[in-house]
Amino acid sequence: MSPKSGARFTEKQGHSLAFIHIYSYMFGQPPAEADIQRHFRVSPPSVRQMIVTLERNGFIRRQPGVPRSIEILVPLEG
């Protein structure tokens, strides 16, 4: 799966994707939603909406029912 029809991410989405990438590199696994919440200092529903939006736009993929299963689908240089 690739980003839908060449969709570009917003600056805020770019920050989220960068955090997921860096966290995954540093800790060897993707962040939990609680990790994202702490980092950005936002509410759990905000994190949930951000993840759903990134997935809907084709920037990430998750496995249903599997914690810490976020996989980034956009090229790192993008």
PDB file of N, CA and C in Angstrom:
ATOM      1  N   MET A   1       0.850  -1.181   0.000  1.00  0.00           N
ATOM      2  CA  MET A   1       0.000   0.000   0.000  1.00  0.00           C
ATOM      3  C   MET A   1       0.890   1.237   0.000  1.00  0.00           C
ATOM      4  N   SER A   2       0.551   2.191  -0.832  1.00  0.00           N
ATOM      5  CA  SER A   2       1.321   3.434  -0.879  1.00  0.00           C
ATOM      6  C   SER A   2       0.371   4.587  -0.602  1.00  0.00           C
ATOM      7  N   PRO A   3       0.942   5.771  -0.326  1.00  0.00           N
ATOM      8  CA  PRO A   3       0.068   6.909  -0.048  1.00  0.00           C
ATOM      9  C   PRO A   3      -0.975   7.050  -1.150  1.00  0.00           C
ATOM     10  N   LYS A   4      -2.198   7.309  -0.765  1.00  0.00           N
ATOM     11  CA  LYS A   4      -3.300   7.390  -1.713  1.00  0.00           C
ATOM     12  C   LYS A   4      -3.087   8.503  -2.723  1.00  0.00           C
ATOM     13  N   SER A   5      -3.097   8.138  -3.964  1.00  0.00           N
ATOM     14  CA  SER A   5      -3.037   9.062  -5.104  1.00  0.00           C
ATOM     15  C   SER A   5      -2.058  10.218  -4.901  1.00  0.00           C
ATOM     16  N   GLY A   6      -0.859   9.888  -4.456  1.00  0.00           N
ATOM     17  CA  GLY A   6       0.160  10.914  -4.300  1.00  0.00           C
ATOM     18  C   GLY A   6      -0.122  11.913  -3.200  1.00  0.00           C
ATOM     19  N   ALA A   7      -0.949  11.537  -2.246  1.00  0.00           N
ATOM     20  CA  ALA A   7      -1.296  12.448  -1.149  1.00  0.00           C
ATOM     21  C   ALA A   7      -0.028  12.893  -0.422  1.00  0.00           C
ATOM     22  N   ARG A   8      -0.015  14.144  -0.026  1.00  0.00           N
ATOM     23  CA  ARG A   8       1.108  14.685   0.724  1.00  0.00           C
ATOM     24  C   ARG A   8       0.662  14.867   2.155  1.00  0.00           C
ATOM     25  N   PHE A   9       1.585  14.685   3.073  1.00  0.00           N
ATOM     26  CA  PHE A   9       1.212  14.861   4.469  1.00  0.00           C
ATOM     27  C   PHE A   9       1.445  16.296   4.914  1.00  0.00           C
ATOM     28  N   THR A  10       0.680  16.689   5.933  1.00  0.00           N
ATOM     29  CA  THR A  10       0.810  18.035   6.489  1.00  0.00           C
ATOM     30  C   THR A  10       2.064  18.103   7.358  1.00  0.00           C
ATOM     31  N   GLU A  11       2.412  19.296   7.772  1.00  0.00           N
ATOM     32  CA  GLU A  11       3.575  19.458   8.647  1.00  0.00           C
ATOM     33  C   GLU A  11       3.390  18.676   9.948  1.00  0.00           C
ATOM     34  N   LYS A  12       2.199  18.755  10.518  1.00  0.00           N
ATOM     35  CA  LYS A  12       1.910  18.051  11.764  1.00  0.00           C
ATOM     36  C   LYS A  12       1.996  16.534  11.570  1.00  0.00           C
ATOM     37  N   GLN A  13       1.473  16.043  10.445  1.00  0.00           N
ATOM     38  CA  GLN A  13       1.567  14.616  10.153  1.00  0.00           C
ATOM     39  C   GLN A  13       3.028  14.212   9.948  1.00  0.00           C
ATOM     40  N   GLY A  14       3.811  15.093   9.346  1.00  0.00           N
ATOM     41  CA  GLY A  14       5.236  14.836   9.160  1.00  0.00           C
ATOM     42  C   GLY A  14       5.956  14.693  10.488  1.00  0.00           C
ATOM     43  N   HIS A  15       5.588  15.536  11.454  1.00  0.00           N
ATOM     44  CA  HIS A  15       6.181  15.429  12.789  1.00  0.00           C
ATOM     45  C   HIS A  15       5.823  14.088  13.428  1.00  0.00           C
ATOM     46  N   SER A  16       4.578  13.674  13.251  1.00  0.00           N
ATOM     47  CA  SER A  16       4.135  12.395  13.809  1.00  0.00           C
ATOM     48  C   SER A  16       4.883  11.235  13.159  1.00  0.00           C
ATOM     49  N   LEU A  17       4.996  11.268  11.842  1.00  0.00           N
ATOM     50  CA  LEU A  17       5.716  10.211  11.133  1.00  0.00           C
ATOM     51  C   LEU A  17       7.189  10.181  11.543  1.00  0.00           C
ATOM     52  N   ALA A  18       7.790  11.352  11.696  1.00  0.00           N
ATOM     53  CA  ALA A  18       9.193  11.415  12.119  1.00  0.00           C
ATOM     54  C   ALA A  18       9.359  10.830  13.516  1.00  0.00           C
ATOM     55  N   PHE A  19       8.439  11.152  14.424  1.00  0.00           N
ATOM     56  CA  PHE A  19       8.517  10.603  15.773  1.00  0.00           C
ATOM     57  C   PHE A  19       8.409   9.082  15.739  1.00  0.00           C
ATOM     58  N   ILE A  20       7.454   8.570  14.973  1.00  0.00           N
ATOM     59  CA  ILE A  20       7.280   7.111  14.885  1.00  0.00           C
ATOM     60  C   ILE A  20       8.552   6.469  14.344  1.00  0.00           C
ATOM     61  N   HIS A  21       9.130   7.065  13.326  1.00  0.00           N
ATOM     62  CA  HIS A  21      10.361   6.516  12.734  1.00  0.00           C
ATOM     63  C   HIS A  21      11.523   6.532  13.734  1.00  0.00           C
ATOM     64  N   ILE A  22      11.746   7.660  14.361  1.00  0.00           N
ATOM     65  CA  ILE A  22      12.869   7.789  15.297  1.00  0.00           C
ATOM     66  C   ILE A  22      12.681   6.885  16.505  1.00  0.00           C
ATOM     67  N   TYR A  23      11.465   6.836  17.047  1.00  0.00           N
ATOM     68  CA  TYR A  23      11.185   5.976  18.192  1.00  0.00           C
ATOM     69  C   TYR A  23      11.450   4.513  17.822  1.00  0.00           C
ATOM     70  N   SER A  24      10.974   4.111  16.650  1.00  0.00           N
ATOM     71  CA  SER A  24      11.165   2.729  16.199  1.00  0.00           C
ATOM     72  C   SER A  24      12.648   2.393  16.049  1.00  0.00           C
ATOM     73  N   TYR A  25      13.403   3.327  15.523  1.00  0.00           N
ATOM     74  CA  TYR A  25      14.843   3.119  15.353  1.00  0.00           C
ATOM     75  C   TYR A  25      15.545   3.012  16.711  1.00  0.00           C
ATOM     76  N   MET A  26      15.191   3.910  17.627  1.00  0.00           N
ATOM     77  CA  MET A  26      15.863   3.945  18.930  1.00  0.00           C
ATOM     78  C   MET A  26      15.513   2.753  19.818  1.00  0.00           C
ATOM     79  N   PHE A  27      14.253   2.327  19.813  1.00  0.00           N
ATOM     80  CA  PHE A  27      13.799   1.305  20.740  1.00  0.00           C
ATOM     81  C   PHE A  27      13.525  -0.050  20.099  1.00  0.00           C
ATOM     82  N   GLY A  28      13.672  -0.150  18.792  1.00  0.00           N
ATOM     83  CA  GLY A  28      13.501  -1.429  18.121  1.00  0.00           C
ATOM     84  C   GLY A  28      12.055  -1.876  17.965  1.00  0.00           C
ATOM     85  N   GLN A  29      11.120  -0.994  18.261  1.00  0.00           N
ATOM     86  CA  GLN A  29       9.699  -1.279  18.083  1.00  0.00           C
ATOM     87  C   GLN A  29       8.958   0.046  17.961  1.00  0.00           C
ATOM     88  N   PRO A  30       7.820   0.039  17.268  1.00  0.00           N
ATOM     89  CA  PRO A  30       7.056   1.284  17.131  1.00  0.00           C
ATOM     90  C   PRO A  30       6.524   1.754  18.483  1.00  0.00           C
ATOM     91  N   PRO A  31       6.190   3.030  18.581  1.00  0.00           N
ATOM     92  CA  PRO A  31       5.652   3.549  19.843  1.00  0.00           C
ATOM     93  C   PRO A  31       4.228   3.069  20.091  1.00  0.00           C
ATOM     94  N   ALA A  32       3.877   2.961  21.356  1.00  0.00           N
ATOM     95  CA  ALA A  32       2.483   2.731  21.738  1.00  0.00           C
ATOM     96  C   ALA A  32       1.770   4.078  21.662  1.00  0.00           C
ATOM     97  N   GLU A  33       0.452   4.044  21.625  1.00  0.00           N
ATOM     98  CA  GLU A  33      -0.300   5.299  21.592  1.00  0.00           C
ATOM     99  C   GLU A  33       0.026   6.162  22.809  1.00  0.00           C
ATOM    100  N   ALA A  34       0.264   5.541  23.963  1.00  0.00           N
ATOM    101  CA  ALA A  34       0.615   6.298  25.173  1.00  0.00           C
ATOM    102  C   ALA A  34       1.948   7.026  25.002  1.00  0.00           C
ATOM    103  N   ASP A  35       2.889   6.420  24.284  1.00  0.00           N
ATOM    104  CA  ASP A  35       4.181   7.064  24.029  1.00  0.00           C
ATOM    105  C   ASP A  35       3.992   8.314  23.154  1.00  0.00           C
ATOM    106  N   ILE A  36       3.144   8.183  22.151  1.00  0.00           N
ATOM    107  CA  ILE A  36       2.857   9.320  21.267  1.00  0.00           C
ATOM    108  C   ILE A  36       2.156  10.420  22.053  1.00  0.00           C
ATOM    109  N   GLN A  37       1.222  10.020  22.892  1.00  0.00           N
ATOM    110  CA  GLN A  37       0.492  10.993  23.715  1.00  0.00           C
ATOM    111  C   GLN A  37       1.444  11.780  24.610  1.00  0.00           C
ATOM    112  N   ARG A  38       2.358  11.079  25.266  1.00  0.00           N
ATOM    113  CA  ARG A  38       3.316  11.761  26.148  1.00  0.00           C
ATOM    114  C   ARG A  38       4.232  12.694  25.363  1.00  0.00           C
ATOM    115  N   HIS A  39       4.706  12.228  24.234  1.00  0.00           N
ATOM    116  CA  HIS A  39       5.642  13.037  23.457  1.00  0.00           C
ATOM    117  C   HIS A  39       5.008  14.351  22.981  1.00  0.00           C
ATOM    118  N   PHE A  40       3.801  14.262  22.430  1.00  0.00           N
ATOM    119  CA  PHE A  40       3.150  15.449  21.872  1.00  0.00           C
ATOM    120  C   PHE A  40       2.266  16.186  22.875  1.00  0.00           C
ATOM    121  N   ARG A  41       2.106  15.603  24.075  1.00  0.00           N
ATOM    122  CA  ARG A  41       1.281  16.208  25.128  1.00  0.00           C
ATOM    123  C   ARG A  41      -0.129  16.509  24.638  1.00  0.00           C
ATOM    124  N   VAL A  42      -0.771  15.471  24.130  1.00  0.00           N
ATOM    125  CA  VAL A  42      -2.138  15.565  23.639  1.00  0.00           C
ATOM    126  C   VAL A  42      -2.983  14.480  24.302  1.00  0.00           C
ATOM    127  N   SER A  43      -4.274  14.533  24.084  1.00  0.00           N
ATOM    128  CA  SER A  43      -5.196  13.577  24.690  1.00  0.00           C
ATOM    129  C   SER A  43      -5.198  12.250  23.917  1.00  0.00           C
ATOM    130  N   PRO A  44      -5.611  11.176  24.576  1.00  0.00           N
ATOM    131  CA  PRO A  44      -5.707   9.884  23.878  1.00  0.00           C
ATOM    132  C   PRO A  44      -6.587   9.937  22.618  1.00  0.00           C
ATOM    133  N   PRO A  45      -7.752  10.620  22.650  1.00  0.00           N
ATOM    134  CA  PRO A  45      -8.535  10.690  21.410  1.00  0.00           C
ATOM    135  C   PRO A  45      -7.803  11.403  20.271  1.00  0.00           C
ATOM    136  N   SER A  46      -6.965  12.382  20.598  1.00  0.00           N
ATOM    137  CA  SER A  46      -6.186  13.080  19.563  1.00  0.00           C
ATOM    138  C   SER A  46      -5.193  12.142  18.911  1.00  0.00           C
ATOM    139  N   VAL A  47      -4.540  11.312  19.721  1.00  0.00           N
ATOM    140  CA  VAL A  47      -3.578  10.342  19.188  1.00  0.00           C
ATOM    141  C   VAL A  47      -4.304   9.337  18.308  1.00  0.00           C
ATOM    142  N   ARG A  48      -5.423   8.834  18.783  1.00  0.00           N
ATOM    143  CA  ARG A  48      -6.210   7.860  18.022  1.00  0.00           C
ATOM    144  C   ARG A  48      -6.605   8.441  16.669  1.00  0.00           C
ATOM    145  N   GLN A  49      -7.100   9.676  16.659  1.00  0.00           N
ATOM    146  CA  GLN A  49      -7.514  10.309  15.405  1.00  0.00           C
ATOM    147  C   GLN A  49      -6.325  10.503  14.462  1.00  0.00           C
ATOM    148  N   MET A  50      -5.185  10.887  15.004  1.00  0.00           N
ATOM    149  CA  MET A  50      -3.991  11.073  14.182  1.00  0.00           C
ATOM    150  C   MET A  50      -3.585   9.755  13.525  1.00  0.00           C
ATOM    151  N   ILE A  51      -3.604   8.675  14.291  1.00  0.00           N
ATOM    152  CA  ILE A  51      -3.216   7.367  13.749  1.00  0.00           C
ATOM    153  C   ILE A  51      -4.203   6.902  12.687  1.00  0.00           C
ATOM    154  N   VAL A  52      -5.475   7.062  12.954  1.00  0.00           N
ATOM    155  CA  VAL A  52      -6.506   6.667  11.987  1.00  0.00           C
ATOM    156  C   VAL A  52      -6.354   7.472  10.700  1.00  0.00           C
ATOM    157  N   THR A  53      -6.101   8.769  10.815  1.00  0.00           N
ATOM    158  CA  THR A  53      -5.936   9.619   9.639  1.00  0.00           C
ATOM    159  C   THR A  53      -4.693   9.227   8.843  1.00  0.00           C
ATOM    160  N   LEU A  54      -3.583   8.981   9.523  1.00  0.00           N
ATOM    161  CA  LEU A  54      -2.360   8.558   8.826  1.00  0.00           C
ATOM    162  C   LEU A  54      -2.590   7.237   8.095  1.00  0.00           C
ATOM    163  N   GLU A  55      -3.310   6.336   8.736  1.00  0.00           N
ATOM    164  CA  GLU A  55      -3.585   5.042   8.108  1.00  0.00           C
ATOM    165  C   GLU A  55      -4.542   5.199   6.921  1.00  0.00           C
ATOM    166  N   ARG A  56      -5.588   5.977   7.106  1.00  0.00           N
ATOM    167  CA  ARG A  56      -6.574   6.196   6.048  1.00  0.00           C
ATOM    168  C   ARG A  56      -5.916   6.831   4.810  1.00  0.00           C
ATOM    169  N   ASN A  57      -4.940   7.709   5.032  1.00  0.00           N
ATOM    170  CA  ASN A  57      -4.243   8.369   3.920  1.00  0.00           C
ATOM    171  C   ASN A  57      -3.123   7.527   3.328  1.00  0.00           C
ATOM    172  N   GLY A  58      -2.882   6.352   3.902  1.00  0.00           N
ATOM    173  CA  GLY A  58      -1.887   5.440   3.339  1.00  0.00           C
ATOM    174  C   GLY A  58      -0.464   5.719   3.759  1.00  0.00           C
ATOM    175  N   PHE A  59      -0.260   6.492   4.833  1.00  0.00           N
ATOM    176  CA  PHE A  59       1.093   6.803   5.288  1.00  0.00           C
ATOM    177  C   PHE A  59       1.638   5.755   6.250  1.00  0.00           C
ATOM    178  N   ILE A  60       0.743   5.049   6.939  1.00  0.00           N
ATOM    179  CA  ILE A  60       1.144   3.981   7.856  1.00  0.00           C
ATOM    180  C   ILE A  60       0.217   2.789   7.655  1.00  0.00           C
ATOM    181  N   ARG A  61       0.644   1.651   8.212  1.00  0.00           N
ATOM    182  CA  ARG A  61      -0.181   0.452   8.222  1.00  0.00           C
ATOM    183  C   ARG A  61      -0.093  -0.132   9.624  1.00  0.00           C
ATOM    184  N   ARG A  62      -1.203  -0.697  10.101  1.00  0.00           N
ATOM    185  CA  ARG A  62      -1.224  -1.369  11.401  1.00  0.00           C
ATOM    186  C   ARG A  62      -1.861  -2.741  11.240  1.00  0.00           C
ATOM    187  N   GLN A  63      -1.552  -3.623  12.176  1.00  0.00           N
ATOM    188  CA  GLN A  63      -2.190  -4.932  12.207  1.00  0.00           C
ATOM    189  C   GLN A  63      -3.269  -4.893  13.276  1.00  0.00           C
ATOM    190  N   PRO A  64      -4.508  -5.158  12.905  1.00  0.00           N
ATOM    191  CA  PRO A  64      -5.599  -5.115  13.886  1.00  0.00           C
ATOM    192  C   PRO A  64      -5.337  -6.041  15.077  1.00  0.00           C
ATOM    193  N   GLY A  65      -5.525  -5.498  16.265  1.00  0.00           N
ATOM    194  CA  GLY A  65      -5.377  -6.287  17.486  1.00  0.00           C
ATOM    195  C   GLY A  65      -3.949  -6.525  17.929  1.00  0.00           C
ATOM    196  N   VAL A  66      -2.979  -5.983  17.202  1.00  0.00           N
ATOM    197  CA  VAL A  66      -1.571  -6.180  17.553  1.00  0.00           C
ATOM    198  C   VAL A  66      -1.004  -4.854  18.051  1.00  0.00           C
ATOM    199  N   PRO A  67      -0.613  -4.806  19.330  1.00  0.00           N
ATOM    200  CA  PRO A  67      -0.044  -3.552  19.837  1.00  0.00           C
ATOM    201  C   PRO A  67       1.302  -3.237  19.183  1.00  0.00           C
ATOM    202  N   ARG A  68       1.597  -1.960  19.099  1.00  0.00           N
ATOM    203  CA  ARG A  68       2.878  -1.481  18.549  1.00  0.00           C
ATOM    204  C   ARG A  68       3.155  -2.049  17.156  1.00  0.00           C
ATOM    205  N   SER A  69       2.149  -2.014  16.307  1.00  0.00           N
ATOM    206  CA  SER A  69       2.306  -2.594  14.972  1.00  0.00           C
ATOM    207  C   SER A  69       2.340  -1.545  13.861  1.00  0.00           C
ATOM    208  N   ILE A  70       2.614  -0.294  14.208  1.00  0.00           N
ATOM    209  CA  ILE A  70       2.640   0.767  13.199  1.00  0.00           C
ATOM    210  C   ILE A  70       3.843   0.571  12.278  1.00  0.00           C
ATOM    211  N   GLU A  71       3.580   0.607  10.988  1.00  0.00           N
ATOM    212  CA  GLU A  71       4.638   0.506   9.980  1.00  0.00           C
ATOM    213  C   GLU A  71       4.505   1.704   9.051  1.00  0.00           C
ATOM    214  N   ILE A  72       5.565   2.464   8.879  1.00  0.00           N
ATOM    215  CA  ILE A  72       5.546   3.644   8.009  1.00  0.00           C
ATOM    216  C   ILE A  72       5.666   3.187   6.562  1.00  0.00           C
ATOM    217  N   LEU A  73       4.824   3.748   5.689  1.00  0.00           N
ATOM    218  CA  LEU A  73       4.789   3.342   4.297  1.00  0.00           C
ATOM    219  C   LEU A  73       5.342   4.392   3.340  1.00  0.00           C
ATOM    220  N   VAL A  74       5.693   5.570   3.835  1.00  0.00           N
ATOM    221  CA  VAL A  74       6.237   6.610   2.966  1.00  0.00           C
ATOM    222  C   VAL A  74       7.755   6.508   2.977  1.00  0.00           C
ATOM    223  N   PRO A  75       8.396   6.873   1.867  1.00  0.00           N
ATOM    224  CA  PRO A  75       9.854   6.852   1.824  1.00  0.00           C
ATOM    225  C   PRO A  75      10.440   7.805   2.867  1.00  0.00           C
ATOM    226  N   LEU A  76      11.557   7.437   3.473  1.00  0.00           N
ATOM    227  CA  LEU A  76      12.165   8.251   4.514  1.00  0.00           C
ATOM    228  C   LEU A  76      12.547   9.638   4.028  1.00  0.00           C
ATOM    229  N   GLU A  77      12.987   9.759   2.782  1.00  0.00           N
ATOM    230  CA  GLU A  77      13.381  11.071   2.274  1.00  0.00           C
ATOM    231  C   GLU A  77      12.175  11.940   1.982  1.00  0.00           C
ATOM    232  N   GLY A  78      10.949  11.359   1.960  1.00  0.00           N
ATOM    233  CA  GLY A  78       9.736  12.138   1.713  1.00  0.00           C
ATOM    234  C   GLY A  78       9.308  12.786   2.972  1.00  0.00           C
TER     235      GLY A  78
END
